[in-house]
């Protein structure tokens, strides 16, 4: 006996990836519904590679009563309206937006890092999925924190355009093509030209000079991993279609050599260590696309601080950073709380 599952925002990048991963991992669905905005109603979308087509239903008229799990990939606006309705109707919401992440009554979960936090979902019937950059980072940090206790994290991100949705990916493609043929380039989705450029700005600016994306990485890491860890982030948009990368400097309470850290990471759930000190002995965004692992490379000691390490972290932001983590939360929820049969 399986579950009745709803994917809200099913026609977007993350929603489509959720459907793909549900099919790929053979999540036990007795019934699945693809739900989106009125403009997508009636269109058909494939359920992974199963050959099964789902007719998209209108979120404005959808009744969540009797459905077990709703995976939301609809953005904060629609989520604010419809996620509480779904939760009130008895459907457990797993939300990919930032709306509920810092709500003290909503668990923020990465299954490899803080699985026990999911037990608090009953307070609102909602579980939050973290920011894409945070998710991959904490998967890499968790085993190292357990081994030597992280005091401080300094992270610079190199985030792909898919993090800004289809419009971001389209802008990179269109600008690249325009440059090659000599046409003018006009930024629309991004504040500056993204093709052949990098932009040190993701989300809105806050009063302290940081951006909201940088703030998310700080507060979410503390909520998921440990509130005592000091975190500072610089988030940068780069001309890559899929795959976020991070350069991470860590300072520990205890000594942890690069070799010991490699051994820890090699055995860590969700982590794939690819760290050869030679040309090409590391992972780049292209290699991680379509994979669910968090890849770690270039582990080395930071000689500027006591007990410091530096590492390179890469992951498919549409998968582990969003859709895969949501499905893994659903699997964890099923094992611990919604057991069927």
Protein backbone atom coordinates (compact mmCIF):
# COMPACT_ATOMS: atom_id res chain seq x y z
CA UNK A 1 0.00 0.00 0.00
CA UNK A 2 1.49 3.34 -1.08
CA UNK A 3 0.92 7.04 -0.66
CA UNK A 4 -1.15 9.65 -2.44
CA UNK A 5 1.35 12.34 -3.46
CA UNK A 6 0.88 15.83 -4.88
CA UNK A 7 3.60 17.83 -6.65
CA UNK A 8 2.72 21.54 -6.57
CA UNK A 9 4.56 23.64 -9.15
CA UNK A 10 4.96 20.52 -11.27
CA UNK A 11 5.70 22.39 -14.51
CA UNK A 12 8.75 24.31 -13.17
CA UNK A 13 12.36 23.13 -13.14
CA UNK A 14 12.25 21.80 -9.59
CA UNK A 15 8.72 20.38 -9.89
CA UNK A 16 9.67 18.40 -12.98
CA UNK A 17 12.77 17.14 -11.21
CA UNK A 18 10.63 16.06 -8.25
CA UNK A 19 8.49 13.96 -10.58
CA UNK A 20 11.62 12.49 -12.17
CA UNK A 21 13.12 11.56 -8.81
CA UNK A 22 9.89 10.11 -7.41
CA UNK A 23 9.81 7.80 -10.45
CA UNK A 24 13.54 7.11 -10.44
CA UNK A 25 13.60 6.12 -6.75
CA UNK A 26 10.34 4.18 -7.11
CA UNK A 27 8.69 6.11 -4.31
CA UNK A 28 5.60 4.11 -3.28
CA UNK A 29 2.84 6.19 -4.88
CA UNK A 30 -0.64 4.73 -5.21
CA UNK A 31 -1.67 7.99 -6.85
CA UNK A 32 0.20 11.09 -7.97
CA UNK A 33 -1.13 14.51 -8.93
CA UNK A 34 0.66 17.25 -10.85
CA UNK A 35 -0.62 20.66 -9.76
CA UNK A 36 0.31 24.13 -11.02
CA UNK A 37 -1.03 27.60 -11.74
CA UNK A 38 -4.19 28.12 -13.83
CA UNK A 39 -2.15 28.91 -16.96
CA UNK A 40 -0.76 25.34 -16.97
CA UNK A 41 -4.06 23.61 -16.25
CA UNK A 42 -4.84 20.82 -18.68
CA UNK A 43 -1.34 20.48 -20.08
CA UNK A 44 0.36 17.12 -19.75
CA UNK A 45 3.65 16.33 -18.06
CA UNK A 46 5.55 13.05 -17.98
CA UNK A 47 6.02 11.18 -14.73
CA UNK A 48 9.75 10.56 -14.99
CA UNK A 49 10.71 7.97 -17.60
CA UNK A 50 7.69 5.80 -16.89
CA UNK A 51 5.88 6.84 -20.06
CA UNK A 52 2.93 7.85 -17.90
CA UNK A 53 1.50 11.29 -18.60
CA UNK A 54 -0.11 13.40 -15.88
CA UNK A 55 -2.68 16.07 -16.65
CA UNK A 56 -1.87 19.23 -14.72
CA UNK A 57 -4.55 20.32 -12.26
CA UNK A 58 -5.38 23.86 -11.17
CA UNK A 59 -4.00 24.75 -7.74
CA UNK A 60 -6.88 27.16 -7.16
CA UNK A 61 -9.43 24.33 -7.19
CA UNK A 62 -7.38 21.44 -5.81
CA UNK A 63 -8.64 19.70 -2.67
CA UNK A 64 -5.81 18.19 -0.59
CA UNK A 65 -8.18 16.16 1.60
CA UNK A 66 -7.17 12.49 1.52
CA UNK A 67 -3.74 13.14 0.06
CA UNK A 68 -0.75 12.09 2.19
CA UNK A 69 2.17 14.26 1.06
CA UNK A 70 2.44 17.47 -0.97
CA UNK A 71 5.82 18.45 -2.40
CA UNK A 72 5.70 22.21 -2.97
CA UNK A 73 7.95 23.80 -5.62
CA UNK A 74 5.76 26.79 -6.34
CA UNK A 75 7.64 29.74 -4.82
CA UNK A 76 6.77 31.72 -1.70
CA UNK A 77 3.72 33.51 -3.14
CA UNK A 78 1.49 30.53 -3.97
CA UNK A 79 2.99 28.53 -1.08
CA UNK A 80 1.87 31.14 1.44
CA UNK A 81 -1.71 30.69 0.24
CA UNK A 82 -1.95 26.96 -0.43
CA UNK A 83 0.55 25.20 1.86
CA UNK A 84 -1.36 26.04 5.08
CA UNK A 85 -4.60 24.94 3.39
CA UNK A 86 -3.04 21.61 2.44
CA UNK A 87 -1.67 21.15 5.95
CA UNK A 88 -5.04 21.95 7.52
CA UNK A 89 -6.66 19.37 5.24
CA UNK A 90 -4.36 16.67 6.64
CA UNK A 91 -1.74 16.56 3.90
CA UNK A 92 1.88 16.86 5.08
CA UNK A 93 3.61 19.66 3.17
CA UNK A 94 7.28 19.47 2.20
CA UNK A 95 8.08 22.97 1.01
CA UNK A 96 11.00 24.04 -1.17
CA UNK A 97 10.48 27.80 -0.75
CA UNK A 98 12.11 29.97 1.92
CA UNK A 99 8.76 30.80 3.51
CA UNK A 100 8.78 28.44 6.50
CA UNK A 101 12.49 27.67 6.93
CA UNK A 102 13.06 29.84 9.97
CA UNK A 103 9.68 29.19 11.58
CA UNK A 104 10.51 27.61 14.97
CA UNK A 105 7.49 25.31 14.61
CA UNK A 106 8.63 23.98 11.20
CA UNK A 107 11.54 21.52 10.99
CA UNK A 108 14.24 22.33 8.43
CA UNK A 109 15.56 18.97 7.33
CA UNK A 110 18.46 17.44 5.43
CA UNK A 111 18.03 13.68 6.02
CA UNK A 112 21.77 12.88 6.13
CA UNK A 113 22.34 15.67 8.66
CA UNK A 114 19.41 16.10 11.09
CA UNK A 115 16.83 13.33 10.51
CA UNK A 116 15.46 13.53 14.05
CA UNK A 117 14.26 17.09 13.43
CA UNK A 118 11.47 15.73 11.23
CA UNK A 119 9.62 14.56 14.33
CA UNK A 120 8.51 18.15 14.92
CA UNK A 121 6.44 18.28 11.73
CA UNK A 122 3.19 17.66 13.61
CA UNK A 123 3.14 21.20 15.03
CA UNK A 124 2.11 22.65 11.65
CA UNK A 125 2.07 19.62 9.33
CA UNK A 126 4.81 21.37 7.32
CA UNK A 127 8.47 20.46 6.74
CA UNK A 128 10.89 22.92 5.11
CA UNK A 129 13.51 22.12 2.51
CA UNK A 130 16.66 24.28 2.89
CA UNK A 131 18.24 26.65 0.42
CA UNK A 132 20.09 24.79 -2.35
CA UNK A 133 23.52 26.09 -1.33
CA UNK A 134 22.93 25.32 2.32
CA UNK A 135 21.78 21.77 1.63
CA UNK A 136 24.91 20.65 -0.15
CA UNK A 137 27.20 22.44 2.29
CA UNK A 138 25.75 20.89 5.46
CA UNK A 139 25.94 17.40 3.94
CA UNK A 140 29.69 17.93 3.58
CA UNK A 141 30.06 19.65 6.94
CA UNK A 142 28.09 17.26 9.15
CA UNK A 143 30.65 14.41 9.31
CA UNK A 144 33.50 16.88 9.83
CA UNK A 145 31.57 18.63 12.60
CA UNK A 146 31.00 15.28 14.30
CA UNK A 147 34.71 14.51 14.05
CA UNK A 148 36.24 17.78 15.27
CA UNK A 149 33.49 20.39 16.00
CA UNK A 150 33.35 23.27 13.53
CA UNK A 151 33.75 26.74 15.06
CA UNK A 152 33.65 28.90 11.94
CA UNK A 153 32.69 28.62 8.27
CA UNK A 154 33.72 31.03 5.51
CA UNK A 155 32.05 30.09 2.23
CA UNK A 156 32.05 31.59 -1.26
CA UNK A 157 29.48 30.13 -3.62
CA UNK A 158 29.48 29.86 -7.41
CA UNK A 159 25.79 29.36 -8.16
CA UNK A 160 24.35 28.32 -11.51
CA UNK A 161 21.63 30.16 -13.38
CA UNK A 162 19.11 27.34 -12.83
CA UNK A 163 18.94 28.60 -9.24
CA UNK A 164 17.03 31.54 -10.71
CA UNK A 165 14.63 29.25 -12.58
CA UNK A 166 14.05 28.72 -16.27
CA UNK A 167 14.26 32.46 -16.91
CA UNK A 168 17.81 32.50 -15.57
CA UNK A 169 18.91 29.61 -17.77
CA UNK A 170 17.23 31.17 -20.79
CA UNK A 171 19.01 34.47 -20.18
CA UNK A 172 22.42 32.78 -20.09
CA UNK A 173 21.67 30.96 -23.35
CA UNK A 174 20.25 34.00 -25.13
CA UNK A 175 23.06 36.32 -24.04
CA UNK A 176 25.75 33.82 -25.03
CA UNK A 177 24.20 33.43 -28.48
CA UNK A 178 23.82 37.21 -28.86
CA UNK A 179 27.49 37.82 -28.02
CA UNK A 180 28.65 35.29 -30.60
CA UNK A 181 26.63 36.88 -33.40
CA UNK A 182 27.30 40.46 -32.34
CA UNK A 183 23.79 41.32 -31.16
CA UNK A 184 23.27 43.67 -28.18
CA UNK A 185 22.96 42.13 -24.72
CA UNK A 186 20.34 43.40 -22.29
CA UNK A 187 20.04 41.97 -18.76
CA UNK A 188 16.48 41.08 -17.74
CA UNK A 189 16.47 38.42 -15.05
CA UNK A 190 19.86 39.40 -13.64
CA UNK A 191 21.19 42.83 -12.67
CA UNK A 192 24.21 42.55 -14.98
CA UNK A 193 25.18 40.52 -18.02
CA UNK A 194 25.54 36.89 -16.91
CA UNK A 195 27.14 35.43 -20.05
CA UNK A 196 30.97 35.36 -19.69
CA UNK A 197 30.63 37.19 -16.37
CA UNK A 198 30.06 36.64 -12.65
CA UNK A 199 27.63 38.63 -10.49
CA UNK A 200 28.27 38.99 -6.71
CA UNK A 201 24.59 39.39 -5.96
CA UNK A 202 21.84 36.80 -5.35
CA UNK A 203 18.46 37.83 -3.92
CA UNK A 204 17.83 41.25 -2.35
CA UNK A 205 20.28 43.37 -0.36
CA UNK A 206 19.79 43.70 3.39
CA UNK A 207 20.62 46.72 5.54
CA UNK A 208 23.94 45.23 6.71
CA UNK A 209 25.28 44.88 3.16
CA UNK A 210 24.76 41.14 2.89
CA UNK A 211 22.23 39.66 0.48
CA UNK A 212 19.28 37.55 1.55
CA UNK A 213 20.89 34.49 -0.06
CA UNK A 214 23.94 34.98 2.16
CA UNK A 215 21.72 35.45 5.20
CA UNK A 216 19.89 32.21 4.37
CA UNK A 217 23.13 30.24 4.36
CA UNK A 218 24.04 31.62 7.78
CA UNK A 219 20.77 31.09 9.63
CA UNK A 220 19.87 27.79 7.94
CA UNK A 221 23.26 26.23 8.68
CA UNK A 222 22.84 27.18 12.32
CA UNK A 223 19.32 25.72 12.47
CA UNK A 224 20.23 22.48 10.72
CA UNK A 225 23.71 21.79 12.04
CA UNK A 226 24.58 23.75 15.18
CA UNK A 227 23.56 27.25 16.38
CA UNK A 228 27.05 27.83 17.82
CA UNK A 229 28.81 27.74 14.45
CA UNK A 230 29.86 31.13 13.07
CA UNK A 231 29.10 31.42 9.36
CA UNK A 232 29.86 34.10 6.76
CA UNK A 233 28.96 33.74 3.08
CA UNK A 234 29.52 35.49 -0.24
CA UNK A 235 27.08 34.25 -2.88
CA UNK A 236 27.92 34.69 -6.57
CA UNK A 237 25.96 33.89 -9.74
CA UNK A 238 28.13 32.32 -12.46
CA UNK A 239 27.52 31.47 -16.15
CA UNK A 240 26.74 27.78 -15.56
CA UNK A 241 23.39 26.18 -16.38
CA UNK A 242 23.16 23.57 -13.58
CA UNK A 243 25.33 22.81 -10.56
CA UNK A 244 26.38 24.95 -7.60
CA UNK A 245 29.98 25.05 -6.38
CA UNK A 246 31.39 26.26 -3.07
CA UNK A 247 34.84 27.08 -1.74
CA UNK A 248 34.67 26.47 2.02
CA UNK A 249 37.14 27.42 4.75
CA UNK A 250 36.59 25.68 8.09
CA UNK A 251 37.99 26.29 11.55
CA UNK A 252 37.64 23.49 14.12
CA UNK A 253 37.87 23.21 17.90
CA UNK A 254 40.03 20.09 17.56
CA UNK A 255 42.83 19.20 15.19
CA UNK A 256 41.75 17.41 12.01
CA UNK A 257 44.31 16.70 9.34
CA UNK A 258 43.45 16.77 5.65
CA UNK A 259 44.05 13.02 5.47
CA UNK A 260 41.75 12.33 8.42
CA UNK A 261 39.10 14.61 6.91
CA UNK A 262 39.32 12.72 3.62
CA UNK A 263 38.83 9.44 5.47
CA UNK A 264 35.80 10.84 7.29
CA UNK A 265 34.25 12.21 4.09
CA UNK A 266 34.90 8.98 2.22
CA UNK A 267 32.52 7.15 4.58
CA UNK A 268 29.93 9.92 4.98
CA UNK A 269 26.35 9.41 3.73
CA UNK A 270 25.49 11.52 0.70
CA UNK A 271 29.12 12.55 0.11
CA UNK A 272 31.32 11.47 -2.81
CA UNK A 273 35.00 12.27 -2.27
CA UNK A 274 36.93 12.84 -5.51
CA UNK A 275 40.25 14.28 -4.42
CA UNK A 276 43.33 13.44 -6.45
CA UNK A 277 46.11 16.01 -6.34
CA UNK A 278 46.61 16.03 -10.07
CA UNK A 279 45.21 17.69 -13.19
CA UNK A 280 41.47 16.96 -13.31
CA UNK A 281 41.46 15.19 -9.96
CA UNK A 282 38.40 17.09 -8.75
CA UNK A 283 34.73 17.54 -9.65
CA UNK A 284 33.20 20.47 -11.55
CA UNK A 285 29.51 21.30 -12.04
CA UNK A 286 29.31 19.52 -15.39
CA UNK A 287 30.18 16.16 -13.82
CA UNK A 288 27.62 16.48 -11.02
CA UNK A 289 24.57 17.16 -13.20
CA UNK A 290 21.94 14.45 -12.83
CA UNK A 291 23.59 12.99 -9.73
CA UNK A 292 22.30 13.15 -6.18
CA UNK A 293 25.64 13.18 -4.38
CA UNK A 294 27.42 16.10 -2.78
CA UNK A 295 30.92 15.97 -4.26
CA UNK A 296 33.93 17.10 -2.24
CA UNK A 297 37.39 17.77 -3.70
CA UNK A 298 40.60 19.67 -2.92
CA UNK A 299 40.63 18.95 0.83
CA UNK A 300 43.68 20.65 2.30
CA UNK A 301 44.84 22.29 5.49
CA UNK A 302 44.36 26.03 5.98
CA UNK A 303 47.76 27.23 7.15
CA UNK A 304 46.42 30.66 8.22
CA UNK A 305 44.53 29.37 11.29
CA UNK A 306 44.90 26.67 13.91
CA UNK A 307 42.83 23.57 13.10
CA UNK A 308 41.73 24.80 9.69
CA UNK A 309 40.71 23.05 6.49
CA UNK A 310 39.74 24.19 2.99
CA UNK A 311 37.59 22.21 0.57
CA UNK A 312 35.69 22.42 -2.71
CA UNK A 313 32.05 21.26 -2.78
CA UNK A 314 29.86 20.69 -5.87
CA UNK A 315 26.30 19.44 -6.30
CA UNK A 316 23.38 19.46 -8.73
CA UNK A 317 21.27 22.24 -7.23
CA UNK A 318 18.06 20.99 -8.85
CA UNK A 319 18.52 17.59 -7.24
CA UNK A 320 20.23 17.56 -3.83
CA UNK A 321 19.70 21.29 -3.52
CA UNK A 322 15.97 20.99 -4.05
CA UNK A 323 14.02 18.07 -5.53
CA UNK A 324 16.05 15.11 -4.27
CA UNK A 325 16.24 16.46 -0.72
CA UNK A 326 12.45 16.94 -0.74
CA UNK A 327 11.89 13.34 -1.88
CA UNK A 328 14.38 12.09 0.71
CA UNK A 329 12.38 13.97 3.35
CA UNK A 330 9.23 12.24 2.07
CA UNK A 331 10.98 8.87 2.33
CA UNK A 332 12.12 9.66 5.88
CA UNK A 333 8.62 10.82 6.78
CA UNK A 334 7.20 7.55 5.47
CA UNK A 335 9.66 5.42 7.43
CA UNK A 336 9.17 7.26 10.72
CA UNK A 337 5.59 8.49 10.73
CA UNK A 338 3.35 7.62 7.77
CA UNK A 339 3.95 3.90 7.55
CA UNK A 340 1.52 2.18 5.22
CA UNK A 341 0.51 -1.44 4.94
